[in-house]
């Protein structure tokens, strides 16, 4: 682990955290308000907010660490997008489908979650690959 790793971790953390806020705190918030019984009251959520920060720090560090183990001397953009797809298929898609199976989330909400969270992972994968790109390599 070097300086590039820690800078990438910080950048991915910031983009992931605010991307998740954009998705869940703004875009999907009206959908979530339709099923308030599925969530903690907003006051309760605030007391657990440090766990949200910790979770994103762990996610970001693992995301960067796994990428650095397999980065290749190939075009950075395709590597980043491929990585984003792989992580989405490993995390977002099955987790949201499992949640749908065991909790009464509306199907349209689950589809929105999967699509938006997968797009975020594509952006994060591309961003990370750009941060690790070989300056002489093409996209």
C-alpha atoms as a PDB file:
ATOM      1  CA  UNK A   1       0.000   0.000   0.000  1.00  0.00           C
ATOM      2  CA  UNK A   2       1.385   3.297  -1.091  1.00  0.00           C
ATOM      3  CA  UNK A   3       0.395   6.933  -1.440  1.00  0.00           C
ATOM      4  CA  UNK A   4      -1.609   6.250  -4.628  1.00  0.00           C
ATOM      5  CA  UNK A   5      -3.595   3.563  -2.789  1.00  0.00           C
ATOM      6  CA  UNK A   6      -4.559   5.864   0.090  1.00  0.00           C
ATOM      7  CA  UNK A   7      -5.388   8.788  -2.206  1.00  0.00           C
ATOM      8  CA  UNK A   8      -7.544   6.466  -4.322  1.00  0.00           C
ATOM      9  CA  UNK A   9      -9.228   5.136  -1.184  1.00  0.00           C
ATOM     10  CA  UNK A  10     -10.078   8.687  -0.087  1.00  0.00           C
ATOM     11  CA  UNK A  11     -11.343   9.746  -3.526  1.00  0.00           C
ATOM     12  CA  UNK A  12     -13.457   6.595  -3.918  1.00  0.00           C
ATOM     13  CA  UNK A  13     -14.804   7.036  -0.375  1.00  0.00           C
ATOM     14  CA  UNK A  14     -15.895  10.612  -1.066  1.00  0.00           C
ATOM     15  CA  UNK A  15     -17.519   9.823  -4.427  1.00  0.00           C
ATOM     16  CA  UNK A  16     -19.179   6.645  -3.110  1.00  0.00           C
ATOM     17  CA  UNK A  17     -20.502   8.347   0.014  1.00  0.00           C
ATOM     18  CA  UNK A  18     -21.982  11.298  -1.860  1.00  0.00           C
ATOM     19  CA  UNK A  19     -23.167   9.074  -4.720  1.00  0.00           C
ATOM     20  CA  UNK A  20     -25.022   6.912  -2.216  1.00  0.00           C
ATOM     21  CA  UNK A  21     -26.532  10.025  -0.651  1.00  0.00           C
ATOM     22  CA  UNK A  22     -27.652  11.205  -4.092  1.00  0.00           C
ATOM     23  CA  UNK A  23     -29.251   7.811  -4.824  1.00  0.00           C
ATOM     24  CA  UNK A  24     -30.777   6.967  -1.463  1.00  0.00           C
ATOM     25  CA  UNK A  25     -31.100  10.339   0.230  1.00  0.00           C
ATOM     26  CA  UNK A  26     -32.473  12.266  -2.736  1.00  0.00           C
ATOM     27  CA  UNK A  27     -33.532  10.199  -5.755  1.00  0.00           C
ATOM     28  CA  UNK A  28     -35.115   7.259  -3.904  1.00  0.00           C
ATOM     29  CA  UNK A  29     -36.216   9.152  -0.803  1.00  0.00           C
ATOM     30  CA  UNK A  30     -39.794   9.635  -2.090  1.00  0.00           C
ATOM     31  CA  UNK A  31     -40.007   5.875  -2.757  1.00  0.00           C
ATOM     32  CA  UNK A  32     -38.727   5.116   0.740  1.00  0.00           C
ATOM     33  CA  UNK A  33     -41.316   7.445   2.270  1.00  0.00           C
ATOM     34  CA  UNK A  34     -44.012   5.202   0.784  1.00  0.00           C
ATOM     35  CA  UNK A  35     -42.826   2.334   3.014  1.00  0.00           C
ATOM     36  CA  UNK A  36     -41.847   3.996   6.326  1.00  0.00           C
ATOM     37  CA  UNK A  37     -42.342   0.741   8.240  1.00  0.00           C
ATOM     38  CA  UNK A  38     -39.209  -0.615   6.526  1.00  0.00           C
ATOM     39  CA  UNK A  39     -36.844   1.989   7.975  1.00  0.00           C
ATOM     40  CA  UNK A  40     -35.718   3.515  11.241  1.00  0.00           C
ATOM     41  CA  UNK A  41     -37.158   6.900  12.137  1.00  0.00           C
ATOM     42  CA  UNK A  42     -34.906   9.711  10.899  1.00  0.00           C
ATOM     43  CA  UNK A  43     -33.917  10.615  14.471  1.00  0.00           C
ATOM     44  CA  UNK A  44     -32.833   7.029  15.087  1.00  0.00           C
ATOM     45  CA  UNK A  45     -30.896   6.961  11.829  1.00  0.00           C
ATOM     46  CA  UNK A  46     -28.799   9.928  12.924  1.00  0.00           C
ATOM     47  CA  UNK A  47     -27.474   8.171  16.020  1.00  0.00           C
ATOM     48  CA  UNK A  48     -26.153   5.368  13.809  1.00  0.00           C
ATOM     49  CA  UNK A  49     -24.664   7.718  11.187  1.00  0.00           C
ATOM     50  CA  UNK A  50     -21.051   6.976  12.263  1.00  0.00           C
ATOM     51  CA  UNK A  51     -21.685   3.369  11.185  1.00  0.00           C
ATOM     52  CA  UNK A  52     -22.677   4.663   7.738  1.00  0.00           C
ATOM     53  CA  UNK A  53     -19.349   6.481   7.478  1.00  0.00           C
ATOM     54  CA  UNK A  54     -17.441   3.421   8.716  1.00  0.00           C
ATOM     55  CA  UNK A  55     -19.275   1.186   6.233  1.00  0.00           C
ATOM     56  CA  UNK A  56     -18.368   3.430   3.313  1.00  0.00           C
ATOM     57  CA  UNK A  57     -14.752   3.596   4.473  1.00  0.00           C
ATOM     58  CA  UNK A  58     -14.591  -0.210   4.572  1.00  0.00           C
ATOM     59  CA  UNK A  59     -16.334  -0.562   1.200  1.00  0.00           C
ATOM     60  CA  UNK A  60     -14.009   1.972  -0.418  1.00  0.00           C
ATOM     61  CA  UNK A  61     -10.841   0.458   0.999  1.00  0.00           C
ATOM     62  CA  UNK A  62     -11.829  -3.044  -0.091  1.00  0.00           C
ATOM     63  CA  UNK A  63     -12.920  -1.768  -3.515  1.00  0.00           C
ATOM     64  CA  UNK A  64      -9.524  -0.143  -4.107  1.00  0.00           C
ATOM     65  CA  UNK A  65      -7.540  -3.018  -2.594  1.00  0.00           C
ATOM     66  CA  UNK A  66      -9.212  -5.682  -4.757  1.00  0.00           C
ATOM     67  CA  UNK A  67      -8.747  -3.563  -7.890  1.00  0.00           C
ATOM     68  CA  UNK A  68      -5.038  -3.075  -7.197  1.00  0.00           C
ATOM     69  CA  UNK A  69      -4.545  -6.843  -6.992  1.00  0.00           C
ATOM     70  CA  UNK A  70      -5.782  -7.343 -10.545  1.00  0.00           C
ATOM     71  CA  UNK A  71      -5.014  -4.147 -12.447  1.00  0.00           C
ATOM     72  CA  UNK A  72      -3.406  -4.913 -15.810  1.00  0.00           C
ATOM     73  CA  UNK A  73      -1.461  -2.994 -18.430  1.00  0.00           C
ATOM     74  CA  UNK A  74      -4.582  -2.613 -20.565  1.00  0.00           C
ATOM     75  CA  UNK A  75      -6.805   0.360 -21.418  1.00  0.00           C
ATOM     76  CA  UNK A  76      -7.973   1.850 -18.125  1.00  0.00           C
ATOM     77  CA  UNK A  77     -11.585   2.623 -19.038  1.00  0.00           C
ATOM     78  CA  UNK A  78     -12.519  -0.909 -20.072  1.00  0.00           C
ATOM     79  CA  UNK A  79     -10.799  -2.275 -16.965  1.00  0.00           C
ATOM     80  CA  UNK A  80     -12.699   0.116 -14.719  1.00  0.00           C
ATOM     81  CA  UNK A  81     -16.071  -0.601 -16.302  1.00  0.00           C
ATOM     82  CA  UNK A  82     -15.463  -4.353 -16.196  1.00  0.00           C
ATOM     83  CA  UNK A  83     -14.530  -4.048 -12.525  1.00  0.00           C
ATOM     84  CA  UNK A  84     -17.658  -1.990 -11.782  1.00  0.00           C
ATOM     85  CA  UNK A  85     -19.837  -4.641 -13.449  1.00  0.00           C
ATOM     86  CA  UNK A  86     -18.113  -7.435 -11.525  1.00  0.00           C
ATOM     87  CA  UNK A  87     -18.575  -5.689  -8.189  1.00  0.00           C
ATOM     88  CA  UNK A  88     -22.219  -4.890  -8.982  1.00  0.00           C
ATOM     89  CA  UNK A  89     -22.873  -8.541  -9.845  1.00  0.00           C
ATOM     90  CA  UNK A  90     -21.106  -9.634  -6.677  1.00  0.00           C
ATOM     91  CA  UNK A  91     -22.796  -7.162  -4.332  1.00  0.00           C
ATOM     92  CA  UNK A  92     -25.640  -4.910  -5.477  1.00  0.00           C
ATOM     93  CA  UNK A  93     -27.652  -7.285  -7.640  1.00  0.00           C
ATOM     94  CA  UNK A  94     -27.722 -10.292  -5.296  1.00  0.00           C
ATOM     95  CA  UNK A  95     -28.069  -8.204  -2.108  1.00  0.00           C
ATOM     96  CA  UNK A  96     -30.998  -6.209  -3.451  1.00  0.00           C
ATOM     97  CA  UNK A  97     -32.666  -9.367  -4.787  1.00  0.00           C
ATOM     98  CA  UNK A  98     -32.169 -11.115  -1.437  1.00  0.00           C
ATOM     99  CA  UNK A  99     -33.651  -8.109   0.367  1.00  0.00           C
ATOM    100  CA  UNK A 100     -36.606  -8.207  -2.019  1.00  0.00           C
ATOM    101  CA  UNK A 101     -37.062 -11.905  -1.256  1.00  0.00           C
ATOM    102  CA  UNK A 102     -37.190 -11.481   2.533  1.00  0.00           C
ATOM    103  CA  UNK A 103     -38.576  -7.950   2.923  1.00  0.00           C
ATOM    104  CA  UNK A 104     -41.671  -6.448   1.337  1.00  0.00           C
ATOM    105  CA  UNK A 105     -39.910  -3.891  -0.853  1.00  0.00           C
ATOM    106  CA  UNK A 106     -41.838  -2.970  -4.019  1.00  0.00           C
ATOM    107  CA  UNK A 107     -40.296  -4.499  -7.139  1.00  0.00           C
ATOM    108  CA  UNK A 108     -40.030  -1.141  -8.911  1.00  0.00           C
ATOM    109  CA  UNK A 109     -37.999   0.230  -5.986  1.00  0.00           C
ATOM    110  CA  UNK A 110     -35.641  -2.765  -6.079  1.00  0.00           C
ATOM    111  CA  UNK A 111     -35.131  -2.304  -9.819  1.00  0.00           C
ATOM    112  CA  UNK A 112     -34.338   1.394  -9.269  1.00  0.00           C
ATOM    113  CA  UNK A 113     -31.885   0.485  -6.497  1.00  0.00           C
ATOM    114  CA  UNK A 114     -30.124  -2.093  -8.674  1.00  0.00           C
ATOM    115  CA  UNK A 115     -29.887   0.215 -11.686  1.00  0.00           C
ATOM    116  CA  UNK A 116     -28.747   3.308  -9.773  1.00  0.00           C
ATOM    117  CA  UNK A 117     -26.298   1.491  -7.498  1.00  0.00           C
ATOM    118  CA  UNK A 118     -24.839  -0.387 -10.487  1.00  0.00           C
ATOM    119  CA  UNK A 119     -24.349   2.881 -12.377  1.00  0.00           C
ATOM    120  CA  UNK A 120     -22.551   4.261  -9.329  1.00  0.00           C
ATOM    121  CA  UNK A 121     -20.252   1.226  -9.296  1.00  0.00           C
ATOM    122  CA  UNK A 122     -19.496   1.713 -13.001  1.00  0.00           C
ATOM    123  CA  UNK A 123     -18.560   5.328 -12.274  1.00  0.00           C
ATOM    124  CA  UNK A 124     -16.437   4.261  -9.293  1.00  0.00           C
ATOM    125  CA  UNK A 125     -14.722   1.545 -11.320  1.00  0.00           C
ATOM    126  CA  UNK A 126     -13.909   3.997 -14.114  1.00  0.00           C
ATOM    127  CA  UNK A 127     -12.721   6.601 -11.617  1.00  0.00           C
ATOM    128  CA  UNK A 128     -10.482   4.108  -9.853  1.00  0.00           C
ATOM    129  CA  UNK A 129      -9.064   2.790 -13.118  1.00  0.00           C
ATOM    130  CA  UNK A 130      -8.352   6.374 -14.169  1.00  0.00           C
ATOM    131  CA  UNK A 131      -6.532   6.987 -10.892  1.00  0.00           C
ATOM    132  CA  UNK A 132      -4.427   3.852 -11.537  1.00  0.00           C
ATOM    133  CA  UNK A 133      -3.994   4.388 -15.265  1.00  0.00           C
ATOM    134  CA  UNK A 134      -0.667   4.342 -16.952  1.00  0.00           C
ATOM    135  CA  UNK A 135      -0.362   7.954 -18.181  1.00  0.00           C
ATOM    136  CA  UNK A 136       0.983   6.669 -21.513  1.00  0.00           C
ATOM    137  CA  UNK A 137      -1.897   4.223 -22.077  1.00  0.00           C
ATOM    138  CA  UNK A 138      -5.042   5.054 -24.016  1.00  0.00           C
ATOM    139  CA  UNK A 139      -8.602   4.809 -22.729  1.00  0.00           C
END
